[in-house]
Amino acid sequence: MKYQQYAPLILRLVMGFGFIAHGWVKLSRGPAGFEKLITQAGVPFPHFTSWLVPLTEVGGGLALMIGSFTTLVAIPLMITMLVAMITVQLKFGFSSVNTIGLTPEGPKFGPPGYEINLLYIAGLVSLMITGAGAFSVDGLLTRSKAKKARK
């Protein structure tokens, strides 16, 4: 088995976990808090969006981790990253780590820029181009269809 087949798996697991973690925090703290944040940022339909985004992140992250409907799932996940980037992070610049000072307790960090958003988008585009890989539900379905076609 070629090592290249592991690349999509690693990318899917890390990105899927990241989306689930971020979505779960929004849900577990209550969508009302997230709604306040996105209202302040000027995101349209904040009440609806405060539920849509975390559910998209958790559901999409899970689908990424198992490699199910990867290309389709990547689209709404990219949209969430683009909207967050444009409405929140863009004004803070590129870097995801903005050191704004040093205190006796250690460095003090400012708001994150859009670097992480771009990394997630690049990873999703990569998975759309290469597919979910051999170790995925998508790969299993593709192999199953190919096997049936040979019969």
C-alpha atoms as a PDB file:
ATOM      1  CA  MET A   1       0.000   0.000   0.000  1.00  0.00           C
ATOM      2  CA  LYS A   2       1.366   3.402  -0.938  1.00  0.00           C
ATOM      3  CA  TYR A   3       1.970   5.960   1.785  1.00  0.00           C
ATOM      4  CA  GLN A   4       0.167   8.578  -0.330  1.00  0.00           C
ATOM      5  CA  GLN A   5      -3.129   6.940   0.595  1.00  0.00           C
ATOM      6  CA  TYR A   6      -2.587   8.020   4.214  1.00  0.00           C
ATOM      7  CA  ALA A   7      -2.402  11.750   3.418  1.00  0.00           C
ATOM      8  CA  PRO A   8      -6.155  12.326   2.984  1.00  0.00           C
ATOM      9  CA  LEU A   9      -6.841  10.279   6.118  1.00  0.00           C
ATOM     10  CA  ILE A  10      -4.534  12.416   8.262  1.00  0.00           C
ATOM     11  CA  LEU A  11      -5.939  15.631   6.774  1.00  0.00           C
ATOM     12  CA  ARG A  12      -9.542  14.466   7.280  1.00  0.00           C
ATOM     13  CA  LEU A  13      -8.983  13.390  10.892  1.00  0.00           C
ATOM     14  CA  VAL A  14      -7.246  16.598  11.971  1.00  0.00           C
ATOM     15  CA  MET A  15      -9.601  18.944  10.127  1.00  0.00           C
ATOM     16  CA  GLY A  16     -12.684  16.983  11.140  1.00  0.00           C
ATOM     17  CA  PHE A  17     -11.637  17.091  14.782  1.00  0.00           C
ATOM     18  CA  GLY A  18     -11.006  20.846  14.487  1.00  0.00           C
ATOM     19  CA  PHE A  19     -14.449  21.517  13.020  1.00  0.00           C
ATOM     20  CA  ILE A  20     -16.146  19.317  15.631  1.00  0.00           C
ATOM     21  CA  ALA A  21     -14.258  20.991  18.486  1.00  0.00           C
ATOM     22  CA  HIS A  22     -15.153  24.509  17.321  1.00  0.00           C
ATOM     23  CA  GLY A  23     -18.777  23.609  16.608  1.00  0.00           C
ATOM     24  CA  TRP A  24     -19.184  21.782  19.914  1.00  0.00           C
ATOM     25  CA  VAL A  25     -17.916  24.770  21.900  1.00  0.00           C
ATOM     26  CA  LYS A  26     -20.534  26.980  20.240  1.00  0.00           C
ATOM     27  CA  LEU A  27     -23.305  24.481  21.008  1.00  0.00           C
ATOM     28  CA  SER A  28     -22.209  23.603  24.539  1.00  0.00           C
ATOM     29  CA  ARG A  29     -21.960  27.234  25.609  1.00  0.00           C
ATOM     30  CA  GLY A  30     -25.353  27.869  24.085  1.00  0.00           C
ATOM     31  CA  PRO A  31     -26.012  29.316  20.650  1.00  0.00           C
ATOM     32  CA  ALA A  32     -27.252  32.550  22.293  1.00  0.00           C
ATOM     33  CA  GLY A  33     -23.678  33.552  23.137  1.00  0.00           C
ATOM     34  CA  PHE A  34     -22.540  32.827  19.589  1.00  0.00           C
ATOM     35  CA  GLU A  35     -25.559  34.755  18.325  1.00  0.00           C
ATOM     36  CA  LYS A  36     -24.368  37.855  20.222  1.00  0.00           C
ATOM     37  CA  LEU A  37     -20.937  37.554  18.643  1.00  0.00           C
ATOM     38  CA  ILE A  38     -22.206  37.219  15.092  1.00  0.00           C
ATOM     39  CA  THR A  39     -24.784  39.970  15.611  1.00  0.00           C
ATOM     40  CA  GLN A  40     -21.935  42.278  16.611  1.00  0.00           C
ATOM     41  CA  ALA A  41     -19.966  41.164  13.547  1.00  0.00           C
ATOM     42  CA  GLY A  42     -22.925  41.986  11.276  1.00  0.00           C
ATOM     43  CA  VAL A  43     -23.571  38.442  10.072  1.00  0.00           C
ATOM     44  CA  PRO A  44     -27.035  38.198   8.487  1.00  0.00           C
ATOM     45  CA  PHE A  45     -29.804  36.202  10.200  1.00  0.00           C
ATOM     46  CA  PRO A  46     -27.869  35.812  13.470  1.00  0.00           C
ATOM     47  CA  HIS A  47     -30.426  33.623  15.267  1.00  0.00           C
ATOM     48  CA  PHE A  48     -30.625  31.130  12.403  1.00  0.00           C
ATOM     49  CA  THR A  49     -26.874  31.335  11.768  1.00  0.00           C
ATOM     50  CA  SER A  50     -26.059  30.738  15.452  1.00  0.00           C
ATOM     51  CA  TRP A  51     -27.530  27.252  15.045  1.00  0.00           C
ATOM     52  CA  LEU A  52     -26.578  26.594  11.414  1.00  0.00           C
ATOM     53  CA  VAL A  53     -22.839  27.211  11.809  1.00  0.00           C
ATOM     54  CA  PRO A  54     -22.145  24.937  14.798  1.00  0.00           C
ATOM     55  CA  LEU A  55     -24.375  22.166  13.422  1.00  0.00           C
ATOM     56  CA  THR A  56     -22.561  22.453  10.080  1.00  0.00           C
ATOM     57  CA  GLU A  57     -19.202  22.316  11.866  1.00  0.00           C
ATOM     58  CA  VAL A  58     -20.083  19.298  14.021  1.00  0.00           C
ATOM     59  CA  GLY A  59     -21.896  17.367  11.284  1.00  0.00           C
ATOM     60  CA  GLY A  60     -19.404  18.325   8.597  1.00  0.00           C
ATOM     61  CA  GLY A  61     -16.472  17.531  10.870  1.00  0.00           C
ATOM     62  CA  LEU A  62     -17.880  14.088  11.610  1.00  0.00           C
ATOM     63  CA  ALA A  63     -18.485  13.446   7.904  1.00  0.00           C
ATOM     64  CA  LEU A  64     -14.894  14.511   7.174  1.00  0.00           C
ATOM     65  CA  MET A  65     -13.483  12.207   9.836  1.00  0.00           C
ATOM     66  CA  ILE A  66     -15.210   9.151   8.377  1.00  0.00           C
ATOM     67  CA  GLY A  67     -14.712  10.347   4.804  1.00  0.00           C
ATOM     68  CA  SER A  68     -18.355  10.448   3.853  1.00  0.00           C
ATOM     69  CA  PHE A  69     -19.598  12.778   1.085  1.00  0.00           C
ATOM     70  CA  THR A  70     -16.302  14.632   1.456  1.00  0.00           C
ATOM     71  CA  THR A  71     -16.566  16.844  -1.631  1.00  0.00           C
ATOM     72  CA  LEU A  72     -20.150  17.807  -0.862  1.00  0.00           C
ATOM     73  CA  VAL A  73     -19.470  18.460   2.848  1.00  0.00           C
ATOM     74  CA  ALA A  74     -16.444  20.618   2.029  1.00  0.00           C
ATOM     75  CA  ILE A  75     -18.605  23.310   0.410  1.00  0.00           C
ATOM     76  CA  PRO A  76     -20.646  24.464   3.453  1.00  0.00           C
ATOM     77  CA  LEU A  77     -17.537  24.128   5.644  1.00  0.00           C
ATOM     78  CA  MET A  78     -15.626  26.441   3.272  1.00  0.00           C
ATOM     79  CA  ILE A  79     -18.515  28.895   3.356  1.00  0.00           C
ATOM     80  CA  THR A  80     -18.381  29.015   7.173  1.00  0.00           C
ATOM     81  CA  MET A  81     -14.625  29.682   6.993  1.00  0.00           C
ATOM     82  CA  LEU A  82     -15.041  32.419   4.372  1.00  0.00           C
ATOM     83  CA  VAL A  83     -17.820  34.170   6.278  1.00  0.00           C
ATOM     84  CA  ALA A  84     -15.841  34.026   9.540  1.00  0.00           C
ATOM     85  CA  MET A  85     -12.771  35.314   7.745  1.00  0.00           C
ATOM     86  CA  ILE A  86     -14.573  38.228   6.097  1.00  0.00           C
ATOM     87  CA  THR A  87     -16.782  39.247   9.017  1.00  0.00           C
ATOM     88  CA  VAL A  88     -14.420  38.652  11.963  1.00  0.00           C
ATOM     89  CA  GLN A  89     -10.756  37.843  11.286  1.00  0.00           C
ATOM     90  CA  LEU A  90      -9.882  39.927   8.207  1.00  0.00           C
ATOM     91  CA  LYS A  91      -9.498  43.165  10.169  1.00  0.00           C
ATOM     92  CA  PHE A  92      -6.924  41.515  12.467  1.00  0.00           C
ATOM     93  CA  GLY A  93      -4.525  40.667   9.631  1.00  0.00           C
ATOM     94  CA  PHE A  94      -3.071  37.379   8.477  1.00  0.00           C
ATOM     95  CA  SER A  95      -1.370  35.887  11.522  1.00  0.00           C
ATOM     96  CA  SER A  96      -3.350  33.570  13.761  1.00  0.00           C
ATOM     97  CA  VAL A  97      -0.996  34.407  16.640  1.00  0.00           C
ATOM     98  CA  ASN A  98      -0.923  38.139  17.326  1.00  0.00           C
ATOM     99  CA  THR A  99       1.414  38.871  20.199  1.00  0.00           C
ATOM    100  CA  ILE A 100       0.476  42.307  21.532  1.00  0.00           C
ATOM    101  CA  GLY A 101       2.558  42.431  24.674  1.00  0.00           C
ATOM    102  CA  LEU A 102       4.526  40.667  27.315  1.00  0.00           C
ATOM    103  CA  THR A 103       3.424  40.452  30.934  1.00  0.00           C
ATOM    104  CA  PRO A 104       5.141  38.847  33.939  1.00  0.00           C
ATOM    105  CA  GLU A 105       2.795  35.873  33.379  1.00  0.00           C
ATOM    106  CA  GLY A 106       3.903  35.521  29.752  1.00  0.00           C
ATOM    107  CA  PRO A 107       2.902  36.805  26.326  1.00  0.00           C
ATOM    108  CA  LYS A 108      -0.422  38.555  25.779  1.00  0.00           C
ATOM    109  CA  PHE A 109      -2.245  37.690  22.590  1.00  0.00           C
ATOM    110  CA  GLY A 110      -4.675  39.732  20.531  1.00  0.00           C
ATOM    111  CA  PRO A 111      -7.475  38.472  18.308  1.00  0.00           C
ATOM    112  CA  PRO A 112      -6.518  35.908  15.671  1.00  0.00           C
ATOM    113  CA  GLY A 113      -6.193  36.767  11.996  1.00  0.00           C
ATOM    114  CA  TYR A 114      -7.405  34.762   9.030  1.00  0.00           C
ATOM    115  CA  GLU A 115      -4.447  32.380   8.678  1.00  0.00           C
ATOM    116  CA  ILE A 116      -6.284  29.359  10.146  1.00  0.00           C
ATOM    117  CA  ASN A 117      -9.310  30.003   7.942  1.00  0.00           C
ATOM    118  CA  LEU A 118      -7.099  29.851   4.860  1.00  0.00           C
ATOM    119  CA  LEU A 119      -5.451  26.648   6.075  1.00  0.00           C
ATOM    120  CA  TYR A 120      -8.845  24.993   6.580  1.00  0.00           C
ATOM    121  CA  ILE A 121     -10.026  26.176   3.147  1.00  0.00           C
ATOM    122  CA  ALA A 122      -6.805  24.897   1.512  1.00  0.00           C
ATOM    123  CA  GLY A 123      -7.222  21.520   3.227  1.00  0.00           C
ATOM    124  CA  LEU A 124     -10.834  21.267   2.084  1.00  0.00           C
ATOM    125  CA  VAL A 125      -9.890  22.168  -1.504  1.00  0.00           C
ATOM    126  CA  SER A 126      -7.143  19.542  -1.345  1.00  0.00           C
ATOM    127  CA  LEU A 127      -9.656  16.892  -0.255  1.00  0.00           C
ATOM    128  CA  MET A 128     -12.048  17.968  -3.011  1.00  0.00           C
ATOM    129  CA  ILE A 129      -9.263  17.504  -5.580  1.00  0.00           C
ATOM    130  CA  THR A 130      -7.778  14.250  -4.267  1.00  0.00           C
ATOM    131  CA  GLY A 131     -10.872  12.712  -2.737  1.00  0.00           C
ATOM    132  CA  ALA A 132     -11.242  11.258   0.727  1.00  0.00           C
ATOM    133  CA  GLY A 133      -8.703   8.512   0.105  1.00  0.00           C
ATOM    134  CA  ALA A 134      -8.743   4.761   0.499  1.00  0.00           C
ATOM    135  CA  PHE A 135      -9.547   4.787   4.212  1.00  0.00           C
ATOM    136  CA  SER A 136     -12.976   6.405   3.955  1.00  0.00           C
ATOM    137  CA  VAL A 137     -16.636   5.695   3.407  1.00  0.00           C
ATOM    138  CA  ASP A 138     -16.292   7.400   0.000  1.00  0.00           C
ATOM    139  CA  GLY A 139     -13.373   5.098  -0.883  1.00  0.00           C
ATOM    140  CA  LEU A 140     -15.299   2.041   0.271  1.00  0.00           C
ATOM    141  CA  LEU A 141     -18.298   3.002  -1.871  1.00  0.00           C
ATOM    142  CA  THR A 142     -16.074   3.645  -4.893  1.00  0.00           C
ATOM    143  CA  ARG A 143     -14.397   0.240  -4.528  1.00  0.00           C
ATOM    144  CA  SER A 144     -17.791  -1.430  -4.118  1.00  0.00           C
ATOM    145  CA  LYS A 145     -19.139   0.203  -7.293  1.00  0.00           C
ATOM    146  CA  ALA A 146     -16.005  -0.753  -9.216  1.00  0.00           C
ATOM    147  CA  LYS A 147     -16.303  -4.364  -8.029  1.00  0.00           C
ATOM    148  CA  LYS A 148     -19.955  -4.533  -9.155  1.00  0.00           C
ATOM    149  CA  ALA A 149     -19.076  -3.041 -12.536  1.00  0.00           C
ATOM    150  CA  ARG A 150     -16.479  -5.768 -13.144  1.00  0.00           C
ATOM    151  CA  LYS A 151     -19.043  -8.524 -12.589  1.00  0.00           C
END
